[in-house]
Amino acid sequence: MVRTIDIHSHLYPQVWMDYLEKRTSSPRMKRTGPTSAIFLWEDDMVATIRFPGHYDPRPRIADLDRCGIDTQILSLSIPPVDLLPLDEGITWSKKINDYYAGSMS
């Protein structure tokens, strides 16, 4: 049986979004609605999210099943952790990798 794999997909961990929403300096996030937000770097919008599947694995998995996709390779999108000070970036790299390892398995 051939598996269908999406090799380029992004998922924002909720814990990452919560952290960015509390930040007062770049990078940061601002909620724009119940399921939407914008990500900012130096007050410029660098990314948007509009759907729960952008940050919640459950609707994401439902979408995958509906479309016949067996697997996704996930990565973080903008803003990346390397925009943080080094010690914070290392901490958040580990947290986000751990999230991906556990959330979709």
C-alpha atoms as a PDB file:
ATOM      1  CA  MET A   1       0.000   0.000   0.000  1.00  0.00           C
ATOM      2  CA  VAL A   2       1.293   3.458  -0.908  1.00  0.00           C
ATOM      3  CA  ARG A   3       1.175   6.094   1.823  1.00  0.00           C
ATOM      4  CA  THR A   4       0.349   9.716   1.066  1.00  0.00           C
ATOM      5  CA  ILE A   5       2.729  12.113   2.828  1.00  0.00           C
ATOM      6  CA  ASP A   6       2.484  15.899   3.004  1.00  0.00           C
ATOM      7  CA  ILE A   7       6.124  16.927   3.374  1.00  0.00           C
ATOM      8  CA  HIS A   8       5.588  20.650   4.001  1.00  0.00           C
ATOM      9  CA  SER A   9       3.103  21.706   6.634  1.00  0.00           C
ATOM     10  CA  HIS A  10       3.096  24.071   9.608  1.00  0.00           C
ATOM     11  CA  LEU A  11       1.416  23.765  12.987  1.00  0.00           C
ATOM     12  CA  TYR A  12       1.689  26.392  15.712  1.00  0.00           C
ATOM     13  CA  PRO A  13       1.802  24.765  19.159  1.00  0.00           C
ATOM     14  CA  GLN A  14      -0.720  26.429  21.460  1.00  0.00           C
ATOM     15  CA  VAL A  15       1.950  26.800  24.142  1.00  0.00           C
ATOM     16  CA  TRP A  16       4.117  28.769  21.643  1.00  0.00           C
ATOM     17  CA  MET A  17       1.170  31.020  20.778  1.00  0.00           C
ATOM     18  CA  ASP A  18       0.395  31.628  24.467  1.00  0.00           C
ATOM     19  CA  TYR A  19       4.030  32.549  25.082  1.00  0.00           C
ATOM     20  CA  LEU A  20       4.168  34.957  22.125  1.00  0.00           C
ATOM     21  CA  GLU A  21       0.880  36.560  23.147  1.00  0.00           C
ATOM     22  CA  LYS A  22       2.370  37.472  26.553  1.00  0.00           C
ATOM     23  CA  ARG A  23       5.541  38.986  25.081  1.00  0.00           C
ATOM     24  CA  THR A  24       5.815  42.762  24.840  1.00  0.00           C
ATOM     25  CA  SER A  25       8.817  42.720  22.500  1.00  0.00           C
ATOM     26  CA  SER A  26       9.397  41.001  19.166  1.00  0.00           C
ATOM     27  CA  PRO A  27       8.462  38.402  18.231  1.00  0.00           C
ATOM     28  CA  ARG A  28       4.937  38.536  19.560  1.00  0.00           C
ATOM     29  CA  MET A  29       1.384  37.551  18.703  1.00  0.00           C
ATOM     30  CA  LYS A  30      -1.943  39.379  18.806  1.00  0.00           C
ATOM     31  CA  ARG A  31      -5.287  37.564  18.753  1.00  0.00           C
ATOM     32  CA  THR A  32      -7.714  38.947  16.190  1.00  0.00           C
ATOM     33  CA  GLY A  33     -10.645  36.609  16.874  1.00  0.00           C
ATOM     34  CA  PRO A  34     -11.586  33.333  18.567  1.00  0.00           C
ATOM     35  CA  THR A  35      -9.583  31.231  16.067  1.00  0.00           C
ATOM     36  CA  SER A  36      -7.379  33.853  14.464  1.00  0.00           C
ATOM     37  CA  ALA A  37      -4.212  35.765  15.268  1.00  0.00           C
ATOM     38  CA  ILE A  38      -1.388  37.711  13.700  1.00  0.00           C
ATOM     39  CA  PHE A  39       2.291  37.279  14.426  1.00  0.00           C
ATOM     40  CA  LEU A  40       4.421  40.402  14.598  1.00  0.00           C
ATOM     41  CA  TRP A  41       8.086  41.197  14.248  1.00  0.00           C
ATOM     42  CA  GLU A  42       8.998  44.801  15.036  1.00  0.00           C
ATOM     43  CA  ASP A  43       5.326  45.731  14.550  1.00  0.00           C
ATOM     44  CA  ASP A  44       5.211  44.228  11.040  1.00  0.00           C
ATOM     45  CA  MET A  45       2.753  41.397  10.470  1.00  0.00           C
ATOM     46  CA  VAL A  46       4.775  38.356   9.420  1.00  0.00           C
ATOM     47  CA  ALA A  47       2.134  35.609   9.565  1.00  0.00           C
ATOM     48  CA  THR A  48      -1.548  35.013  10.178  1.00  0.00           C
ATOM     49  CA  ILE A  49      -3.660  32.120  11.324  1.00  0.00           C
ATOM     50  CA  ARG A  50      -7.397  31.800  10.789  1.00  0.00           C
ATOM     51  CA  PHE A  51      -8.420  28.198  11.408  1.00  0.00           C
ATOM     52  CA  PRO A  52      -8.203  25.852  14.402  1.00  0.00           C
ATOM     53  CA  GLY A  53      -6.217  23.386  12.276  1.00  0.00           C
ATOM     54  CA  HIS A  54      -3.369  25.881  12.256  1.00  0.00           C
ATOM     55  CA  TYR A  55      -2.763  25.222  15.968  1.00  0.00           C
ATOM     56  CA  ASP A  56      -4.977  22.319  17.074  1.00  0.00           C
ATOM     57  CA  PRO A  57      -4.045  18.782  15.984  1.00  0.00           C
ATOM     58  CA  ARG A  58      -7.630  17.436  16.219  1.00  0.00           C
ATOM     59  CA  PRO A  59      -9.159  19.357  13.294  1.00  0.00           C
ATOM     60  CA  ARG A  60      -5.861  18.902  11.445  1.00  0.00           C
ATOM     61  CA  ILE A  61      -6.143  15.118  11.731  1.00  0.00           C
ATOM     62  CA  ALA A  62      -9.792  15.255  10.628  1.00  0.00           C
ATOM     63  CA  ASP A  63      -8.714  17.246   7.535  1.00  0.00           C
ATOM     64  CA  LEU A  64      -5.965  14.720   6.789  1.00  0.00           C
ATOM     65  CA  ASP A  65      -8.413  11.823   7.054  1.00  0.00           C
ATOM     66  CA  ARG A  66     -10.972  13.580   4.846  1.00  0.00           C
ATOM     67  CA  CYS A  67      -8.338  14.280   2.177  1.00  0.00           C
ATOM     68  CA  GLY A  68      -6.737  10.823   2.290  1.00  0.00           C
ATOM     69  CA  ILE A  69      -3.366  12.039   3.598  1.00  0.00           C
ATOM     70  CA  ASP A  70      -1.665   9.527   5.881  1.00  0.00           C
ATOM     71  CA  THR A  71       1.205  11.584   7.302  1.00  0.00           C
ATOM     72  CA  GLN A  72       2.392  15.173   7.593  1.00  0.00           C
ATOM     73  CA  ILE A  73       5.911  16.410   8.203  1.00  0.00           C
ATOM     74  CA  LEU A  74       5.451  19.391  10.521  1.00  0.00           C
ATOM     75  CA  SER A  75       7.577  22.418  11.169  1.00  0.00           C
ATOM     76  CA  LEU A  76       7.162  25.764  12.832  1.00  0.00           C
ATOM     77  CA  SER A  77       6.479  28.728  10.605  1.00  0.00           C
ATOM     78  CA  ILE A  78       7.159  32.408  11.121  1.00  0.00           C
ATOM     79  CA  PRO A  79       8.125  33.632  13.680  1.00  0.00           C
ATOM     80  CA  PRO A  80      10.857  31.065  14.314  1.00  0.00           C
ATOM     81  CA  VAL A  81      12.517  30.505  17.672  1.00  0.00           C
ATOM     82  CA  ASP A  82      15.842  31.867  16.408  1.00  0.00           C
ATOM     83  CA  LEU A  83      14.404  35.384  16.700  1.00  0.00           C
ATOM     84  CA  LEU A  84      14.479  34.990  20.482  1.00  0.00           C
ATOM     85  CA  PRO A  85      17.526  35.591  22.669  1.00  0.00           C
ATOM     86  CA  LEU A  86      19.774  32.499  22.528  1.00  0.00           C
ATOM     87  CA  ASP A  87      18.792  30.930  25.875  1.00  0.00           C
ATOM     88  CA  GLU A  88      15.073  31.383  25.180  1.00  0.00           C
ATOM     89  CA  GLY A  89      15.484  30.093  21.626  1.00  0.00           C
ATOM     90  CA  ILE A  90      17.130  26.881  22.839  1.00  0.00           C
ATOM     91  CA  THR A  91      14.405  26.350  25.449  1.00  0.00           C
ATOM     92  CA  TRP A  92      11.631  26.926  22.926  1.00  0.00           C
ATOM     93  CA  SER A  93      13.258  24.734  20.269  1.00  0.00           C
ATOM     94  CA  LYS A  94      13.155  21.852  22.734  1.00  0.00           C
ATOM     95  CA  LYS A  95       9.576  22.580  23.835  1.00  0.00           C
ATOM     96  CA  ILE A  96       8.301  22.791  20.266  1.00  0.00           C
ATOM     97  CA  ASN A  97      10.137  19.635  19.157  1.00  0.00           C
ATOM     98  CA  ASP A  98       8.734  17.777  22.173  1.00  0.00           C
ATOM     99  CA  TYR A  99       5.261  19.040  21.295  1.00  0.00           C
ATOM    100  CA  TYR A 100       5.514  17.777  17.727  1.00  0.00           C
ATOM    101  CA  ALA A 101       6.872  14.431  18.900  1.00  0.00           C
ATOM    102  CA  GLY A 102       3.905  13.905  21.196  1.00  0.00           C
ATOM    103  CA  SER A 103       0.968  15.717  19.623  1.00  0.00           C
ATOM    104  CA  MET A 104       0.520  13.914  16.346  1.00  0.00           C
ATOM    105  CA  SER A 105       1.710  10.396  17.157  1.00  0.00           C
END
